[in-house]
N, C-alpha and C. Protein backbone atom coordinates (compact mmCIF):
# COMPACT_ATOMS: atom_id res chain seq x y z
N UNK A 1 -220.10 -9.85 -25.57
CA UNK A 1 -220.78 -8.36 -24.57
C UNK A 1 -220.46 -7.42 -25.57
N UNK A 2 -221.15 -6.40 -25.91
CA UNK A 2 -220.85 -5.46 -26.51
C UNK A 2 -220.01 -4.12 -25.65
N UNK A 3 -219.25 -3.12 -26.35
CA UNK A 3 -218.42 -2.46 -25.83
C UNK A 3 -218.93 -0.77 -26.02
N UNK A 4 -218.94 0.34 -25.08
CA UNK A 4 -219.26 1.17 -24.92
C UNK A 4 -217.96 2.40 -24.39
N UNK A 5 -217.55 3.08 -25.46
CA UNK A 5 -216.49 4.02 -25.03
C UNK A 5 -217.33 5.67 -24.62
N UNK A 6 -217.34 6.19 -23.75
CA UNK A 6 -218.17 7.21 -23.37
C UNK A 6 -217.10 8.64 -23.54
N UNK A 7 -216.82 9.61 -24.10
CA UNK A 7 -215.99 10.31 -24.13
C UNK A 7 -216.55 11.58 -23.56
N UNK A 8 -216.53 11.91 -22.09
CA UNK A 8 -217.37 13.09 -21.63
C UNK A 8 -216.59 14.41 -21.11
N UNK A 9 -217.76 15.18 -21.44
CA UNK A 9 -217.14 16.78 -20.99
C UNK A 9 -217.98 17.49 -21.03
N UNK A 10 -217.30 18.60 -20.92
CA UNK A 10 -218.67 20.16 -20.64
C UNK A 10 -218.90 20.54 -22.24
N UNK A 11 -219.29 21.01 -22.32
CA UNK A 11 -219.68 21.91 -23.80
C UNK A 11 -218.86 22.22 -24.47
N UNK A 12 -218.90 22.26 -26.04
CA UNK A 12 -217.23 23.18 -26.02
C UNK A 12 -215.60 22.73 -25.58
N UNK A 13 -215.98 21.40 -25.40
CA UNK A 13 -214.53 20.93 -24.78
C UNK A 13 -213.54 20.05 -25.43
N UNK A 14 -213.83 20.15 -27.08
CA UNK A 14 -213.66 19.37 -28.13
C UNK A 14 -213.82 17.71 -28.31
N UNK A 15 -214.88 17.59 -27.90
CA UNK A 15 -214.99 16.08 -27.60
C UNK A 15 -215.25 15.43 -29.07
N UNK A 16 -216.38 16.56 -29.62
CA UNK A 16 -216.52 16.39 -31.46
C UNK A 16 -215.41 16.20 -32.34
N UNK A 17 -213.95 17.21 -32.00
CA UNK A 17 -213.07 17.25 -32.35
C UNK A 17 -212.16 15.86 -32.26
N UNK A 18 -212.17 15.81 -31.05
CA UNK A 18 -211.15 14.25 -30.78
C UNK A 18 -211.95 12.89 -31.54
N UNK A 19 -213.50 12.81 -31.38
CA UNK A 19 -213.72 11.62 -32.08
C UNK A 19 -213.63 11.96 -33.85
N UNK A 20 -213.71 13.15 -34.26
CA UNK A 20 -213.00 12.83 -35.43
C UNK A 20 -211.91 12.48 -35.64
N UNK A 21 -210.79 12.80 -34.81
CA UNK A 21 -209.24 13.06 -35.04
C UNK A 21 -209.03 11.46 -35.01
N UNK A 22 -209.89 10.54 -34.51
CA UNK A 22 -209.95 9.62 -33.72
C UNK A 22 -210.29 8.89 -35.04
N UNK A 23 -211.91 9.04 -36.22
CA UNK A 23 -211.67 8.54 -36.88
C UNK A 23 -210.57 8.72 -38.28
N UNK A 24 -209.98 9.49 -38.03
CA UNK A 24 -209.07 9.74 -39.12
C UNK A 24 -207.79 8.44 -38.51
N UNK A 25 -207.55 8.64 -37.82
CA UNK A 25 -206.67 7.80 -37.51
C UNK A 25 -207.05 5.71 -37.48
N UNK A 26 -208.33 5.75 -38.10
CA UNK A 26 -208.91 4.51 -38.36
C UNK A 26 -208.56 4.90 -40.43
N UNK A 27 -207.85 6.07 -40.47
CA UNK A 27 -208.05 6.11 -41.83
C UNK A 27 -208.96 6.07 -42.69
N UNK A 28 -210.06 7.07 -41.98
CA UNK A 28 -211.72 7.41 -42.41
C UNK A 28 -211.78 8.49 -42.37
N UNK A 29 -212.73 8.90 -43.23
CA UNK A 29 -213.05 10.82 -43.21
C UNK A 29 -214.57 10.71 -42.41
N UNK A 30 -215.03 11.20 -41.40
CA UNK A 30 -215.82 11.76 -41.09
C UNK A 30 -216.69 12.83 -41.34
N UNK A 31 -217.92 12.88 -41.28
CA UNK A 31 -218.33 14.58 -41.67
C UNK A 31 -218.50 15.30 -40.40
N UNK A 32 -218.38 15.70 -39.66
CA UNK A 32 -218.32 16.44 -38.03
C UNK A 32 -219.72 15.88 -37.13
N UNK A 33 -220.78 15.02 -37.32
CA UNK A 33 -221.84 14.65 -36.10
C UNK A 33 -222.06 13.36 -36.96
N UNK A 34 -221.88 13.07 -37.95
CA UNK A 34 -222.18 11.58 -38.84
C UNK A 34 -221.03 10.11 -37.76
N UNK A 35 -222.40 9.26 -37.32
CA UNK A 35 -221.52 8.03 -36.89
C UNK A 35 -221.02 7.31 -38.50
N UNK A 36 -219.94 6.76 -38.53
CA UNK A 36 -219.01 6.31 -38.66
C UNK A 36 -218.97 4.94 -38.53
N UNK A 37 -218.64 3.87 -39.39
CA UNK A 37 -218.80 2.33 -39.04
C UNK A 37 -217.65 2.12 -39.39
N UNK A 38 -216.41 0.97 -38.77
CA UNK A 38 -215.35 0.68 -39.20
C UNK A 38 -215.18 -0.57 -39.02
N UNK A 39 -215.04 -1.31 -39.68
CA UNK A 39 -214.34 -3.15 -39.55
C UNK A 39 -212.75 -3.29 -39.02
N UNK A 40 -212.63 -3.55 -38.00
CA UNK A 40 -210.91 -3.77 -37.95
C UNK A 40 -210.32 -4.96 -38.36
N UNK A 41 -209.23 -5.21 -38.38
CA UNK A 41 -208.63 -6.09 -38.39
C UNK A 41 -209.00 -7.70 -37.85
N UNK A 42 -209.55 -7.38 -36.95
CA UNK A 42 -210.05 -8.61 -36.30
C UNK A 42 -211.59 -9.44 -36.73
N UNK A 43 -212.27 -7.92 -37.55
CA UNK A 43 -213.68 -8.42 -37.80
C UNK A 43 -214.44 -7.54 -36.87
N UNK A 44 -213.99 -6.90 -35.51
CA UNK A 44 -215.15 -5.99 -34.79
C UNK A 44 -215.76 -4.80 -35.63
N UNK A 45 -216.82 -4.67 -35.15
CA UNK A 45 -217.47 -3.25 -36.15
C UNK A 45 -217.73 -2.41 -34.71
N UNK A 46 -216.42 -1.13 -35.53
CA UNK A 46 -216.41 0.01 -34.52
C UNK A 46 -217.33 1.19 -34.77
N UNK A 47 -218.48 1.18 -33.92
CA UNK A 47 -219.33 2.48 -34.33
C UNK A 47 -218.66 4.11 -33.99
N UNK A 48 -218.18 4.86 -34.84
CA UNK A 48 -217.58 5.96 -33.52
C UNK A 48 -219.24 7.33 -33.89
N UNK A 49 -219.18 7.73 -33.09
CA UNK A 49 -220.41 8.78 -33.48
C UNK A 49 -219.25 9.94 -32.48
N UNK A 50 -219.58 11.30 -33.64
CA UNK A 50 -218.75 12.25 -32.59
C UNK A 50 -219.51 13.11 -32.16
N UNK A 51 -221.02 13.33 -32.15
CA UNK A 51 -221.73 14.15 -31.79
C UNK A 51 -222.81 13.07 -30.48
N UNK A 52 -223.42 14.11 -29.27
CA UNK A 52 -224.08 13.59 -28.93
C UNK A 52 -224.16 14.05 -27.69
N UNK A 53 -224.14 15.77 -27.93
CA UNK A 53 -224.43 16.84 -26.43
C UNK A 53 -226.01 16.71 -26.12
N UNK A 54 -226.96 16.05 -26.76
CA UNK A 54 -228.54 15.93 -25.81
C UNK A 54 -228.86 15.14 -26.51
N UNK A 55 -229.61 14.00 -25.83
CA UNK A 55 -230.78 12.74 -25.57
C UNK A 55 -230.90 12.35 -26.93
N UNK A 56 -231.68 13.21 -27.82
CA UNK A 56 -232.37 12.53 -29.55
C UNK A 56 -231.08 12.56 -30.16
N UNK A 57 -229.67 13.06 -29.74
CA UNK A 57 -228.30 12.45 -30.70
C UNK A 57 -228.06 11.23 -30.14
N UNK A 58 -227.86 11.10 -29.11
CA UNK A 58 -227.53 9.64 -28.17
C UNK A 58 -228.25 8.58 -28.78
N UNK A 59 -230.16 8.88 -28.94
CA UNK A 59 -230.68 7.92 -29.87
C UNK A 59 -230.45 7.51 -31.30
N UNK A 60 -229.91 8.55 -31.46
CA UNK A 60 -229.40 8.20 -33.11
C UNK A 60 -228.60 7.47 -33.21
N UNK A 61 -227.70 7.92 -32.24
CA UNK A 61 -226.06 7.44 -32.10
C UNK A 61 -226.36 5.65 -31.94
N UNK A 62 -227.15 5.43 -30.77
CA UNK A 62 -226.99 3.99 -30.31
C UNK A 62 -227.97 3.43 -31.84
N UNK A 63 -228.72 3.96 -32.19
CA UNK A 63 -229.77 3.28 -33.50
C UNK A 63 -228.68 3.04 -34.61
N UNK A 64 -228.11 3.87 -34.97
CA UNK A 64 -226.87 3.65 -35.65
C UNK A 64 -225.77 2.31 -35.27
N UNK A 65 -225.56 2.27 -34.06
CA UNK A 65 -224.79 0.87 -33.33
C UNK A 65 -225.37 -0.19 -33.51
N UNK A 66 -226.95 -0.17 -33.04
CA UNK A 66 -227.73 -1.48 -33.25
C UNK A 66 -227.48 -1.77 -35.05
N UNK A 67 -227.84 -0.81 -35.61
CA UNK A 67 -228.07 -1.09 -37.20
C UNK A 67 -227.09 -1.35 -37.80
N UNK A 68 -225.44 -1.42 -37.11
CA UNK A 68 -224.50 -1.65 -37.65
C UNK A 68 -224.14 -2.99 -37.43
N UNK A 69 -224.73 -3.26 -36.42
CA UNK A 69 -224.68 -4.33 -35.60
C UNK A 69 -223.16 -4.24 -34.68
N UNK A 70 -222.73 -3.14 -33.98
CA UNK A 70 -221.54 -2.99 -33.74
C UNK A 70 -221.00 -3.64 -32.33
N UNK A 71 -220.15 -4.22 -31.96
CA UNK A 71 -218.91 -4.55 -31.11
C UNK A 71 -218.69 -3.08 -30.15
N UNK A 72 -218.24 -2.07 -30.65
CA UNK A 72 -217.78 -1.32 -30.02
C UNK A 72 -218.38 -0.26 -30.13
N UNK A 73 -218.77 0.98 -29.53
CA UNK A 73 -219.43 2.10 -29.69
C UNK A 73 -218.51 3.21 -28.90
N UNK A 74 -218.42 3.93 -29.63
CA UNK A 74 -217.22 5.41 -29.33
C UNK A 74 -218.33 6.65 -29.55
N UNK A 75 -218.88 7.42 -28.73
CA UNK A 75 -219.52 8.30 -28.55
C UNK A 75 -218.98 9.44 -27.51
N UNK A 76 -219.38 10.91 -27.78
CA UNK A 76 -219.34 11.73 -27.16
C UNK A 76 -220.57 11.86 -26.33
N UNK A 77 -220.82 12.00 -24.93
CA UNK A 77 -221.54 12.25 -24.28
C UNK A 77 -221.21 13.60 -23.18
N UNK A 78 -222.40 14.10 -22.63
CA UNK A 78 -222.26 15.58 -21.52
C UNK A 78 -221.72 15.08 -20.05
N UNK A 79 -221.01 15.54 -19.94
CA UNK A 79 -220.31 15.32 -17.97
C UNK A 79 -221.73 14.84 -17.26
N UNK A 80 -222.81 15.47 -17.70
CA UNK A 80 -224.22 15.40 -16.38
C UNK A 80 -225.38 15.44 -17.37
N UNK A 81 -226.12 15.08 -16.93
CA UNK A 81 -227.49 15.15 -17.19
C UNK A 81 -228.22 13.66 -18.40
N UNK A 82 -229.01 14.73 -18.96
CA UNK A 82 -229.42 13.43 -19.99
C UNK A 82 -228.59 12.34 -20.54
N UNK A 83 -227.27 13.12 -21.83
CA UNK A 83 -227.07 11.68 -22.60
C UNK A 83 -226.32 10.59 -21.94
N UNK A 84 -225.53 11.08 -20.72
CA UNK A 84 -224.77 10.10 -19.68
C UNK A 84 -225.60 9.08 -19.30
N UNK A 85 -226.82 9.49 -18.52
CA UNK A 85 -227.77 8.84 -17.84
C UNK A 85 -228.30 8.00 -19.08
N UNK A 86 -228.67 8.38 -20.09
CA UNK A 86 -229.56 8.17 -20.91
C UNK A 86 -228.46 6.44 -21.90
N UNK A 87 -227.92 7.11 -22.05
CA UNK A 87 -226.50 5.98 -22.65
C UNK A 87 -226.39 4.89 -21.48
N UNK A 88 -226.28 5.00 -20.28
CA UNK A 88 -226.02 4.44 -19.09
C UNK A 88 -227.54 2.89 -18.80
N UNK A 89 -228.06 3.63 -19.16
CA UNK A 89 -229.79 3.27 -18.71
C UNK A 89 -230.32 2.36 -20.58
N UNK A 90 -229.29 2.46 -21.14
CA UNK A 90 -230.60 1.93 -22.58
C UNK A 90 -229.70 0.60 -22.72
N UNK A 91 -228.73 0.20 -22.22
CA UNK A 91 -229.04 -1.41 -22.64
C UNK A 91 -229.63 -2.12 -21.40
N UNK A 92 -229.63 -3.43 -21.53
CA UNK A 92 -230.44 -4.61 -20.44
C UNK A 92 -228.87 -4.75 -19.91
N UNK A 93 -229.11 -4.40 -18.25
CA UNK A 93 -227.90 -4.73 -17.68
C UNK A 93 -227.62 -6.04 -18.03
N UNK A 94 -225.75 -5.52 -17.68
CA UNK A 94 -224.96 -6.89 -18.22
C UNK A 94 -224.87 -7.19 -19.27
N UNK A 95 -225.47 -6.46 -20.11
CA UNK A 95 -225.41 -6.82 -21.56
C UNK A 95 -224.12 -5.52 -22.54
N UNK A 96 -224.13 -5.06 -21.17
CA UNK A 96 -222.91 -4.08 -22.23
C UNK A 96 -221.90 -3.67 -21.38
N UNK A 97 -220.99 -3.72 -21.29
CA UNK A 97 -219.44 -2.18 -20.80
C UNK A 97 -219.02 -1.08 -21.15
N UNK A 98 -219.09 -0.16 -20.20
CA UNK A 98 -219.53 0.83 -20.73
C UNK A 98 -217.78 1.14 -19.97
N UNK A 99 -216.97 1.83 -20.73
CA UNK A 99 -215.80 2.70 -20.29
C UNK A 99 -215.87 4.28 -20.77
N UNK A 100 -215.86 4.76 -19.47
CA UNK A 100 -215.87 6.33 -19.50
C UNK A 100 -214.49 6.73 -19.46
N UNK A 101 -214.19 7.67 -20.28
CA UNK A 101 -213.18 8.52 -20.69
C UNK A 101 -213.46 9.84 -20.42
N UNK A 102 -212.72 11.28 -19.55
CA UNK A 102 -212.64 12.43 -19.25
C UNK A 102 -212.23 12.90 -20.41
N UNK A 103 -212.79 14.02 -20.92
CA UNK A 103 -212.33 14.60 -22.24
C UNK A 103 -210.88 15.82 -21.50
N UNK A 104 -210.12 15.60 -21.81
CA UNK A 104 -208.96 16.68 -21.53
C UNK A 104 -209.19 17.98 -21.99
N UNK A 105 -208.92 18.62 -21.66
CA UNK A 105 -209.79 20.06 -21.70
C UNK A 105 -207.87 21.10 -21.34
N UNK A 106 -207.81 21.90 -22.28
CA UNK A 106 -206.95 23.05 -22.69
C UNK A 106 -207.17 24.23 -22.58
N UNK A 107 -206.72 25.13 -22.58
CA UNK A 107 -206.29 26.95 -23.02
C UNK A 107 -205.99 26.66 -24.52
N UNK A 108 -204.68 26.44 -24.35
CA UNK A 108 -203.83 26.69 -25.25
C UNK A 108 -203.43 25.08 -26.09
N UNK A 109 -202.92 25.09 -27.08
CA UNK A 109 -202.46 24.08 -27.77
C UNK A 109 -203.69 22.99 -27.88
N UNK A 110 -205.00 23.36 -27.92
CA UNK A 110 -205.94 22.03 -28.04
C UNK A 110 -205.86 20.93 -28.91
N UNK A 111 -205.25 21.72 -30.13
CA UNK A 111 -205.03 20.92 -31.17
C UNK A 111 -204.22 19.30 -31.01
N UNK A 112 -203.11 19.99 -29.92
CA UNK A 112 -202.12 18.60 -29.50
C UNK A 112 -202.82 17.85 -28.45
N UNK A 113 -203.60 18.17 -27.47
CA UNK A 113 -204.68 18.22 -26.79
C UNK A 113 -205.27 16.86 -27.20
N UNK A 114 -206.28 17.24 -28.32
CA UNK A 114 -206.95 16.35 -28.88
C UNK A 114 -206.39 15.35 -29.70
N UNK A 115 -205.44 15.70 -30.47
CA UNK A 115 -204.78 14.40 -30.86
C UNK A 115 -204.40 13.55 -29.90
N UNK A 116 -203.61 13.56 -28.88
CA UNK A 116 -202.99 12.64 -28.52
C UNK A 116 -203.95 12.24 -27.52
N UNK A 117 -205.58 12.57 -27.68
CA UNK A 117 -206.75 11.95 -26.63
C UNK A 117 -206.74 11.06 -27.46
N UNK A 118 -206.80 11.54 -28.64
CA UNK A 118 -207.55 10.46 -30.02
C UNK A 118 -206.46 9.26 -29.81
N UNK A 119 -205.36 9.55 -29.82
CA UNK A 119 -204.82 8.03 -29.98
C UNK A 119 -204.66 7.48 -28.42
N UNK A 120 -204.94 7.90 -27.46
CA UNK A 120 -205.22 7.31 -26.23
C UNK A 120 -206.52 6.52 -26.71
N UNK A 121 -207.52 6.95 -27.40
CA UNK A 121 -208.51 5.96 -27.16
C UNK A 121 -208.75 4.92 -28.29
N UNK A 122 -207.62 5.45 -29.38
CA UNK A 122 -207.60 4.55 -29.96
C UNK A 122 -206.46 3.18 -29.58
N UNK A 123 -205.81 3.61 -28.64
CA UNK A 123 -204.86 2.30 -27.68
C UNK A 123 -206.21 1.39 -26.55
N UNK A 124 -207.27 2.31 -26.43
CA UNK A 124 -207.97 1.69 -25.24
C UNK A 124 -208.78 0.36 -26.58
N UNK A 125 -209.46 1.18 -27.58
CA UNK A 125 -209.90 0.42 -28.73
C UNK A 125 -209.29 -1.16 -28.50
N UNK A 126 -207.65 -0.72 -29.07
CA UNK A 126 -207.05 -1.67 -29.57
C UNK A 126 -207.02 -2.77 -28.26
N UNK A 127 -206.64 -2.34 -27.32
CA UNK A 127 -206.66 -3.04 -26.32
C UNK A 127 -207.83 -4.02 -25.59
N UNK A 128 -209.08 -3.67 -25.77
CA UNK A 128 -210.24 -4.07 -26.28
C UNK A 128 -210.34 -4.92 -26.97
N UNK A 129 -209.68 -4.85 -28.28
CA UNK A 129 -210.13 -5.74 -29.28
C UNK A 129 -209.10 -7.18 -28.72
N UNK A 130 -208.07 -6.90 -28.61
CA UNK A 130 -206.85 -7.76 -28.55
C UNK A 130 -207.40 -8.36 -27.21
N UNK A 131 -208.44 -8.37 -25.50
CA UNK A 131 -208.72 -8.88 -25.13
C UNK A 131 -210.05 -9.57 -25.17
N UNK A 132 -210.58 -9.26 -26.49
CA UNK A 132 -211.84 -9.63 -26.75
C UNK A 132 -212.07 -10.92 -26.35
N UNK A 133 -211.53 -12.24 -27.04
CA UNK A 133 -211.75 -13.27 -26.81
C UNK A 133 -211.22 -14.36 -25.84
N UNK A 134 -209.88 -13.25 -24.50
CA UNK A 134 -209.46 -13.99 -24.07
C UNK A 134 -210.24 -14.64 -22.80
């Protein structure tokens, strides 16, 4: 079963920055909103799509996920509205498992908050992969 991690939060809360930091944790370089595909050590295809604040971007992200034949999609979404509902309704029922992670927000030291959350998301991905075939 395919897995999706939706990092949700309000506009300008650091979702894209956090997901670009996550890409860096995989020793890859991202380009702001462009999807990037990573094959992990166990052969799982992880697609990270930092952009996702509108339905059109979410559609492109899902197309990139399908084209890459991804196993895990990590994407940004808004708290409410088009992007979250579109993501939830895109796949046939019971064909995908979605994990929603709320974006942490801070007025100061946002760099530390974003880095810590990127590391937390990486740990979630590692846990999903470790449990995949059990």
